[in-house]
């Protein structure tokens, strides 16, 4: 009886810590890392884009980069086409005739990590920006994301990615809320300890000297590079004024597919950086465990809490109520499908269903992580129409 109670409450505490307690702690810790810098800092920059079948977004992406405030003679855009079969390469060829700073490199289909590694071999700049084809730059993004590099300790800077437009369609609102929450946490980690737990992969900058080739089988390359920077003893932060915009998918099925892939990659990184679980650097182990590891294993904690309450329900009405409450919550995605089918929308049910669906994706990704990955082949997320 006591063992089941212990298991139940420790699992509840684990989930509460990663989703509620840790964010609250971050908001209470005093910032110690200053990232202030002059406004007239214009180093040369290489912008790297790994693209596969991005004909719908690639031209708008390139023009968002080149229409900004940053001097064009300081920018070089290196685009690696990973065996694109649509009009992506044709569009880039046309743009390169218009702008000499655009350089297209064609590769056989080999995966994003392989493309990024190849582009880095061709880069000549001390600072590089990695960005996705569907992420649009704001006017001053380049300048804002580069300013923190005047601090010698900073080796990686993440951007603040926001939804292009957020509606109540599908899970757009929930996904945007998740992004904003993650932004606050990443910024706080960077400000307080210089240990931002992974840049948003859609846009981040780093020192070329800190780059280490990404294993071609790794599915979450941005987290790998972020952890490598911390492993080297440098700081990783988020620049709140470096704002860019991404089209957030309203389809839960698309986000589910993407998060399964990310979860599989997360466990690759967990094995690679398991030594961070007990590290002497201030804040590193705490942020890694609290922000990432506990979240990655939350599905197991939720399952264990459900089974523990079931074992306790025979002798306690309290745990019987908790069991049925968890049981109903587990089936919230089906409830959401039913409500949508009859034209009823509930933001609360959508939030709960989103939480459960993403934990199912984490669980499936964990199971898939036990199978070897040969190449980090990816498919673009289906865009909203």
Protein backbone atom coordinates (compact mmCIF):
# COMPACT_ATOMS: atom_id res chain seq x y z
CA UNK A 1 0.00 0.00 0.00
CA UNK A 2 2.70 2.51 0.99
CA UNK A 3 4.79 1.55 -2.03
CA UNK A 4 1.92 2.26 -4.43
CA UNK A 5 1.23 5.58 -2.69
CA UNK A 6 4.89 6.54 -2.96
CA UNK A 7 4.97 5.62 -6.64
CA UNK A 8 1.79 7.59 -7.34
CA UNK A 9 2.91 10.81 -5.67
CA UNK A 10 6.48 10.71 -6.94
CA UNK A 11 5.14 10.37 -10.50
CA UNK A 12 2.69 13.24 -9.95
CA UNK A 13 5.53 15.35 -8.53
CA UNK A 14 7.75 14.58 -11.55
CA UNK A 15 5.08 15.77 -13.99
CA UNK A 16 4.22 18.81 -11.88
CA UNK A 17 7.88 19.75 -11.55
CA UNK A 18 8.66 19.81 -15.27
CA UNK A 19 5.42 21.56 -16.28
CA UNK A 20 4.66 23.83 -13.30
CA UNK A 21 7.27 23.99 -10.55
CA UNK A 22 10.39 24.42 -12.68
CA UNK A 23 8.93 27.30 -14.76
CA UNK A 24 7.94 29.00 -11.48
CA UNK A 25 11.46 28.54 -10.08
CA UNK A 26 12.92 30.08 -13.23
CA UNK A 27 10.73 33.14 -12.79
CA UNK A 28 12.06 33.59 -9.23
CA UNK A 29 15.81 33.26 -9.89
CA UNK A 30 17.73 36.50 -10.40
CA UNK A 31 19.33 36.92 -13.84
CA UNK A 32 23.13 37.00 -13.82
CA UNK A 33 24.22 36.91 -17.49
CA UNK A 34 24.27 40.25 -19.30
CA UNK A 35 23.84 40.25 -23.09
CA UNK A 36 23.77 44.01 -23.70
CA UNK A 37 25.73 45.11 -26.77
CA UNK A 38 26.11 48.17 -29.04
CA UNK A 39 23.68 48.59 -31.92
CA UNK A 40 26.38 49.14 -34.57
CA UNK A 41 27.69 45.57 -34.65
CA UNK A 42 27.65 44.24 -38.23
CA UNK A 43 29.92 41.20 -38.64
CA UNK A 44 29.84 39.13 -41.81
CA UNK A 45 27.38 36.27 -41.54
CA UNK A 46 26.63 33.03 -43.39
CA UNK A 47 22.99 31.94 -43.25
CA UNK A 48 22.55 28.20 -43.77
CA UNK A 49 19.30 26.60 -44.95
CA UNK A 50 18.79 22.87 -45.42
CA UNK A 51 15.83 22.53 -47.79
CA UNK A 52 13.80 19.65 -49.15
CA UNK A 53 10.80 20.32 -51.42
CA UNK A 54 10.14 23.83 -50.10
CA UNK A 55 8.74 25.43 -53.27
CA UNK A 56 5.78 26.86 -51.34
CA UNK A 57 7.89 28.92 -48.92
CA UNK A 58 11.49 29.26 -50.11
CA UNK A 59 11.14 32.51 -52.09
CA UNK A 60 9.29 34.29 -49.29
CA UNK A 61 11.92 32.99 -46.88
CA UNK A 62 14.85 34.34 -48.91
CA UNK A 63 13.21 37.72 -49.44
CA UNK A 64 12.49 38.03 -45.69
CA UNK A 65 16.24 37.66 -45.10
CA UNK A 66 17.36 40.12 -47.74
CA UNK A 67 14.69 42.76 -47.10
CA UNK A 68 15.79 43.28 -43.51
CA UNK A 69 17.91 46.03 -41.97
CA UNK A 70 21.20 44.14 -42.12
CA UNK A 71 23.77 45.26 -44.77
CA UNK A 72 23.49 42.96 -47.80
CA UNK A 73 27.25 43.04 -48.38
CA UNK A 74 27.67 41.32 -45.00
CA UNK A 75 25.28 38.45 -45.80
CA UNK A 76 25.81 35.18 -47.64
CA UNK A 77 22.95 32.70 -47.90
CA UNK A 78 23.98 29.08 -48.41
CA UNK A 79 21.08 26.80 -49.32
CA UNK A 80 21.54 23.05 -49.43
CA UNK A 81 18.89 21.23 -51.44
CA UNK A 82 18.62 17.69 -50.09
CA UNK A 83 17.60 16.10 -53.38
CA UNK A 84 14.50 18.27 -53.81
CA UNK A 85 12.13 16.96 -56.48
CA UNK A 86 9.84 20.01 -56.79
CA UNK A 87 10.61 23.57 -57.98
CA UNK A 88 12.79 24.49 -54.96
CA UNK A 89 16.08 24.45 -56.91
CA UNK A 90 14.53 26.27 -59.88
CA UNK A 91 13.29 29.07 -57.63
CA UNK A 92 16.66 29.36 -55.89
CA UNK A 93 18.50 29.48 -59.20
CA UNK A 94 16.30 32.37 -60.28
CA UNK A 95 16.87 34.20 -56.99
CA UNK A 96 20.64 33.68 -57.18
CA UNK A 97 20.62 35.48 -60.53
CA UNK A 98 18.95 38.42 -58.78
CA UNK A 99 21.09 38.32 -55.61
CA UNK A 100 24.75 37.30 -55.83
CA UNK A 101 24.84 36.50 -52.11
CA UNK A 102 22.64 33.43 -52.62
CA UNK A 103 24.56 30.21 -53.21
CA UNK A 104 22.72 26.98 -54.02
CA UNK A 105 24.34 23.62 -53.30
CA UNK A 106 22.69 20.47 -54.61
CA UNK A 107 23.06 17.22 -52.66
CA UNK A 108 21.76 13.72 -53.07
CA UNK A 109 19.07 12.83 -50.55
CA UNK A 110 20.99 12.17 -47.37
CA UNK A 111 19.19 13.85 -44.50
CA UNK A 112 19.31 17.23 -42.78
CA UNK A 113 22.33 16.54 -40.57
CA UNK A 114 24.41 15.60 -43.59
CA UNK A 115 23.34 18.76 -45.44
CA UNK A 116 24.14 20.99 -42.45
CA UNK A 117 27.58 19.41 -42.07
CA UNK A 118 28.29 19.92 -45.78
CA UNK A 119 27.17 23.55 -45.69
CA UNK A 120 29.40 24.22 -42.70
CA UNK A 121 32.38 22.94 -44.69
CA UNK A 122 31.59 25.61 -47.29
CA UNK A 123 31.00 28.39 -44.77
CA UNK A 124 33.69 31.03 -44.35
CA UNK A 125 32.15 33.19 -41.63
CA UNK A 126 33.03 33.22 -37.94
CA UNK A 127 29.31 33.39 -37.15
CA UNK A 128 26.55 31.37 -38.82
CA UNK A 129 22.78 31.33 -38.62
CA UNK A 130 20.94 28.04 -39.07
CA UNK A 131 17.34 28.47 -40.17
CA UNK A 132 14.45 26.51 -41.67
CA UNK A 133 12.82 27.34 -44.99
CA UNK A 134 9.41 28.08 -43.45
CA UNK A 135 10.65 30.55 -40.80
CA UNK A 136 10.38 34.21 -41.84
CA UNK A 137 12.82 36.81 -40.50
CA UNK A 138 11.72 40.11 -38.97
CA UNK A 139 13.43 43.31 -40.14
CA UNK A 140 16.06 43.37 -37.39
CA UNK A 141 16.43 39.68 -36.61
CA UNK A 142 20.00 39.27 -37.90
CA UNK A 143 21.33 42.21 -35.93
CA UNK A 144 19.53 41.20 -32.74
CA UNK A 145 20.61 37.55 -32.89
CA UNK A 146 24.27 38.55 -33.43
CA UNK A 147 24.56 41.24 -30.75
CA UNK A 148 25.06 38.81 -27.82
CA UNK A 149 28.20 37.36 -29.47
CA UNK A 150 30.14 40.42 -28.29
CA UNK A 151 30.21 38.56 -24.96
CA UNK A 152 33.11 36.06 -25.36
CA UNK A 153 31.35 33.39 -23.30
CA UNK A 154 28.35 33.21 -25.64
CA UNK A 155 28.66 30.59 -28.38
CA UNK A 156 25.02 29.98 -29.36
CA UNK A 157 22.02 32.33 -29.53
CA UNK A 158 18.46 31.25 -30.19
CA UNK A 159 15.68 33.34 -31.76
CA UNK A 160 12.18 33.92 -30.47
CA UNK A 161 9.91 32.04 -32.89
CA UNK A 162 6.26 33.07 -33.03
CA UNK A 163 3.25 31.93 -35.00
CA UNK A 164 2.58 33.82 -38.24
CA UNK A 165 -1.11 33.90 -37.45
CA UNK A 166 -2.86 32.19 -34.59
CA UNK A 167 -6.51 31.19 -34.71
CA UNK A 168 -8.75 28.80 -32.86
CA UNK A 169 -8.57 26.34 -35.75
CA UNK A 170 -7.30 22.90 -34.73
CA UNK A 171 -4.37 23.18 -32.30
CA UNK A 172 -2.86 26.47 -33.53
CA UNK A 173 -3.69 28.27 -30.27
CA UNK A 174 -2.33 25.45 -28.10
CA UNK A 175 0.86 25.12 -30.13
CA UNK A 176 1.45 28.87 -29.97
CA UNK A 177 0.94 28.84 -26.20
CA UNK A 178 3.50 26.04 -25.98
CA UNK A 179 5.99 28.06 -28.05
CA UNK A 180 5.55 31.15 -25.86
CA UNK A 181 5.98 29.11 -22.69
CA UNK A 182 9.11 27.46 -24.06
CA UNK A 183 10.48 30.86 -25.07
CA UNK A 184 10.12 32.19 -21.53
CA UNK A 185 11.84 29.15 -20.06
CA UNK A 186 14.70 29.10 -22.57
CA UNK A 187 15.29 32.83 -22.10
CA UNK A 188 15.33 32.48 -18.31
CA UNK A 189 17.76 29.52 -18.43
CA UNK A 190 20.09 31.48 -20.67
CA UNK A 191 19.93 34.64 -18.60
CA UNK A 192 20.44 32.89 -15.28
CA UNK A 193 22.97 30.17 -16.08
CA UNK A 194 23.80 30.40 -19.80
CA UNK A 195 22.26 26.94 -20.17
CA UNK A 196 19.36 27.40 -22.59
CA UNK A 197 18.08 23.87 -23.12
CA UNK A 198 18.17 23.72 -26.88
CA UNK A 199 17.53 26.52 -29.37
CA UNK A 200 14.39 26.48 -31.47
CA UNK A 201 15.59 24.66 -34.58
CA UNK A 202 13.85 27.11 -36.90
CA UNK A 203 16.44 29.83 -36.26
CA UNK A 204 19.58 30.08 -34.15
CA UNK A 205 23.12 31.39 -34.51
CA UNK A 206 26.45 30.05 -33.31
CA UNK A 207 30.19 30.54 -33.53
CA UNK A 208 31.72 28.44 -36.28
CA UNK A 209 34.57 27.52 -33.94
CA UNK A 210 32.06 25.79 -31.64
CA UNK A 211 30.47 23.70 -34.39
CA UNK A 212 31.11 19.97 -34.35
CA UNK A 213 29.81 17.75 -37.17
CA UNK A 214 26.40 16.29 -36.39
CA UNK A 215 26.14 12.49 -36.51
CA UNK A 216 24.14 11.82 -39.67
CA UNK A 217 21.70 9.58 -37.79
CA UNK A 218 20.75 12.29 -35.27
CA UNK A 219 17.18 13.52 -35.74
CA UNK A 220 17.29 16.65 -33.55
CA UNK A 221 20.38 18.45 -34.81
CA UNK A 222 19.65 21.78 -33.10
CA UNK A 223 19.55 20.20 -29.64
CA UNK A 224 22.75 18.29 -30.37
CA UNK A 225 24.59 21.50 -31.30
CA UNK A 226 23.14 23.33 -28.30
CA UNK A 227 24.40 20.61 -25.95
CA UNK A 228 27.81 20.55 -27.64
CA UNK A 229 28.21 24.26 -26.89
CA UNK A 230 27.44 23.62 -23.22
CA UNK A 231 29.79 20.64 -23.21
CA UNK A 232 32.56 22.97 -24.38
CA UNK A 233 31.89 25.22 -21.39
CA UNK A 234 30.32 28.08 -23.37
CA UNK A 235 26.99 29.83 -22.87
CA UNK A 236 23.80 29.24 -24.82
CA UNK A 237 21.12 31.94 -24.60
CA UNK A 238 17.94 33.24 -26.24
CA UNK A 239 17.72 36.76 -27.69
CA UNK A 240 14.17 37.98 -26.99
CA UNK A 241 14.38 40.76 -29.60
CA UNK A 242 15.45 38.36 -32.37
CA UNK A 243 11.93 37.62 -33.57
CA UNK A 244 10.94 35.41 -36.49
CA UNK A 245 7.68 33.84 -37.60
CA UNK A 246 6.64 30.29 -38.41
CA UNK A 247 3.48 28.88 -39.88
CA UNK A 248 2.04 26.75 -37.08
CA UNK A 249 0.21 23.68 -38.28
CA UNK A 250 -3.41 23.47 -37.13
CA UNK A 251 -3.48 19.71 -37.68
CA UNK A 252 -2.82 17.60 -34.60
CA UNK A 253 -1.83 14.68 -36.84
CA UNK A 254 1.02 16.74 -38.35
CA UNK A 255 2.27 17.92 -34.96
CA UNK A 256 1.95 14.37 -33.65
CA UNK A 257 4.16 13.05 -36.47
CA UNK A 258 6.72 15.81 -35.89
CA UNK A 259 6.83 15.25 -32.14
CA UNK A 260 7.28 11.49 -32.51
CA UNK A 261 10.33 12.22 -34.64
CA UNK A 262 11.59 14.82 -32.14
CA UNK A 263 11.05 12.43 -29.24
CA UNK A 264 13.05 9.75 -30.99
CA UNK A 265 15.84 12.27 -31.48
CA UNK A 266 15.58 13.46 -27.88
CA UNK A 267 16.44 10.01 -26.59
CA UNK A 268 19.40 9.88 -28.97
CA UNK A 269 20.60 13.08 -27.31
CA UNK A 270 19.84 11.76 -23.82
CA UNK A 271 22.17 8.83 -24.39
CA UNK A 272 24.81 11.11 -25.90
CA UNK A 273 24.70 13.69 -23.11
CA UNK A 274 23.83 11.50 -20.13
CA UNK A 275 26.87 12.92 -18.32
CA UNK A 276 24.89 16.17 -17.98
CA UNK A 277 22.67 14.41 -15.45
CA UNK A 278 25.37 15.01 -12.85
CA UNK A 279 27.53 17.96 -13.85
CA UNK A 280 29.55 20.45 -11.83
CA UNK A 281 28.50 23.50 -13.91
CA UNK A 282 25.99 25.69 -12.11
CA UNK A 283 22.44 25.15 -13.32
CA UNK A 284 23.31 22.66 -16.07
CA UNK A 285 22.12 19.41 -14.49
CA UNK A 286 19.14 21.12 -12.89
CA UNK A 287 17.94 22.67 -16.15
CA UNK A 288 18.64 19.52 -18.19
CA UNK A 289 16.74 17.24 -15.82
CA UNK A 290 13.91 19.67 -15.05
CA UNK A 291 13.25 21.03 -18.52
CA UNK A 292 14.04 18.03 -20.69
CA UNK A 293 14.60 14.66 -19.04
CA UNK A 294 11.54 14.73 -16.79
CA UNK A 295 9.40 15.89 -19.69
CA UNK A 296 10.71 13.14 -21.95
CA UNK A 297 9.83 10.47 -19.37
CA UNK A 298 6.50 12.05 -18.38
CA UNK A 299 4.54 9.44 -20.38
CA UNK A 300 5.97 6.70 -18.16
CA UNK A 301 5.17 8.76 -15.07
CA UNK A 302 1.56 9.24 -16.24
CA UNK A 303 1.13 5.53 -16.92
CA UNK A 304 2.65 4.60 -13.55
CA UNK A 305 0.41 7.09 -11.73
CA UNK A 306 -2.66 5.63 -13.44
CA UNK A 307 -1.73 2.04 -12.52
CA UNK A 308 -0.80 3.04 -8.96
CA UNK A 309 -4.14 4.75 -8.39
CA UNK A 310 -5.88 1.66 -9.79
CA UNK A 311 -4.06 -0.56 -7.28
CA UNK A 312 -5.03 1.82 -4.45
CA UNK A 313 -8.65 2.33 -5.55
CA UNK A 314 -9.90 -0.89 -3.93
CA UNK A 315 -9.26 0.47 -0.44
CA UNK A 316 -9.69 4.21 -0.96
CA UNK A 317 -12.47 6.29 -2.52
CA UNK A 318 -9.95 9.11 -2.90
CA UNK A 319 -7.71 7.09 -5.18
CA UNK A 320 -10.77 5.62 -6.94
CA UNK A 321 -11.84 9.15 -7.93
CA UNK A 322 -8.27 9.98 -9.02
CA UNK A 323 -8.14 6.83 -11.14
CA UNK A 324 -11.34 7.63 -13.01
CA UNK A 325 -10.29 11.26 -13.44
CA UNK A 326 -7.01 10.14 -15.04
CA UNK A 327 -8.83 7.53 -17.11
CA UNK A 328 -11.19 10.14 -18.56
CA UNK A 329 -8.29 12.52 -19.25
CA UNK A 330 -6.42 9.77 -21.10
CA UNK A 331 -9.31 9.57 -23.59
CA UNK A 332 -9.59 13.33 -24.12
CA UNK A 333 -8.32 13.10 -27.75
CA UNK A 334 -11.32 10.88 -28.57
CA UNK A 335 -13.59 13.33 -26.73
CA UNK A 336 -12.15 16.16 -28.82
CA UNK A 337 -12.76 14.25 -32.07
CA UNK A 338 -16.37 13.61 -31.01
CA UNK A 339 -17.00 17.25 -30.07
CA UNK A 340 -15.46 18.49 -33.33
CA UNK A 341 -17.61 16.07 -35.31
CA UNK A 342 -20.80 17.60 -33.88
CA UNK A 343 -19.52 21.17 -34.19
CA UNK A 344 -18.71 21.87 -30.54
CA UNK A 345 -15.40 23.55 -29.70
CA UNK A 346 -13.91 23.51 -26.21
CA UNK A 347 -10.56 25.17 -25.54
CA UNK A 348 -10.18 23.22 -22.25
CA UNK A 349 -10.76 19.84 -23.92
CA UNK A 350 -8.40 20.85 -26.74
CA UNK A 351 -5.64 21.77 -24.26
CA UNK A 352 -6.02 18.48 -22.38
CA UNK A 353 -6.19 16.48 -25.63
CA UNK A 354 -3.09 18.30 -26.90
CA UNK A 355 -1.21 17.43 -23.70
CA UNK A 356 -2.19 13.76 -23.87
CA UNK A 357 -1.49 13.46 -27.60
CA UNK A 358 1.96 14.98 -27.24
CA UNK A 359 2.77 12.59 -24.38
CA UNK A 360 1.66 9.67 -26.55
CA UNK A 361 4.02 11.01 -29.22
CA UNK A 362 6.83 11.17 -26.65
CA UNK A 363 6.12 7.58 -25.65
CA UNK A 364 6.13 6.32 -29.25
CA UNK A 365 9.32 8.25 -29.94
CA UNK A 366 10.94 6.64 -26.92
CA UNK A 367 10.01 3.17 -28.20
CA UNK A 368 11.31 4.00 -31.68
CA UNK A 369 14.58 5.29 -30.21
CA UNK A 370 15.62 1.71 -29.48
CA UNK A 371 15.82 1.09 -33.24
CA UNK A 372 18.91 2.30 -35.07
CA UNK A 373 18.54 5.32 -37.33
CA UNK A 374 20.62 5.24 -40.50
CA UNK A 375 20.01 8.78 -41.80
CA UNK A 376 18.11 11.82 -40.50
CA UNK A 377 15.74 11.93 -43.51
CA UNK A 378 12.85 14.31 -42.99
CA UNK A 379 9.65 15.47 -44.66
CA UNK A 380 8.44 19.08 -44.31
CA UNK A 381 5.45 19.56 -42.03
CA UNK A 382 2.24 19.98 -44.00
CA UNK A 383 1.52 23.72 -44.25
CA UNK A 384 -1.84 25.32 -43.45
CA UNK A 385 -3.90 26.19 -46.52
